[in-house]
Amino acid sequence: MFGCLVAGRLVQTAAQQVAEDKFVFDLPDYENINHVVVFMLGTIPFPEGMGGSVYFSYPDSNGMPVWQLLGFVTNGKPSAIFKISGLKSGEGGQHPFGAMNIVRTPSVAQIGISVELLDSLAQQTPVGNAAVSSVDSFTQFTQKMLDNFYNFASSFAISQAQMAPSPSEMFIPANVVLKWYENFQRRLAQNPLFWKT
């Protein structure tokens, strides 16, 4: 019913069924995993009105499982990418795997999928940093670069009264830099690849 994919590893499609409505995948060497993809295989859809909550579990310093809600998959959203690299130090939350006696090894994390009502899924709140940004890294880099440049240039802003005459130096009014900054942001939002034309 489900598959799990980690970059550089074979696809896992044989989830361990730990209850009628709960499945887990083992993630050995989880310390070296940044992202995980959970997807439906397409062979068996969820029953009408149902979906799957996706959880990440890793052993704490005492070897006890810490479960964190990543998000969900449904018939309408049959796959999702989750960033798990920043979750290993977080705290666990409410989860449906608590009473289960799931066999685990200390260096192995797990992805758990719990089949639940869609109404229940809509009320759950995943951990904040699990979702992968929909903005690509180039756009993020460009935005950070623009912010950094504007902040850097603005830190040297002086009023016209503070300017000492210096015929060998050129001055650019801060409002011109701000106008360029706003125009560039607008164009980047409209088309992240505008700079190629």
Foldseek 3Di string as FASTA:
>chain_A
DKWKDFPPDDIDDDWPDQDPFKTKDKAAQCLPTFKMKMFDPPPDFAPPQKWKWKWKWAADPVGDIAIFTQAIAHPVRGMFMWTCNPVPVPGHDDDDCVVTDDDDDRRMMMMMIGMDGPVVRVPDDGPDRTHDDPDDPLLVVVLVVLVVVLVVVVVPDDDPVPDDDDVVDDDDHNVVSVVVSVVVVVVCVVPVCPVVD
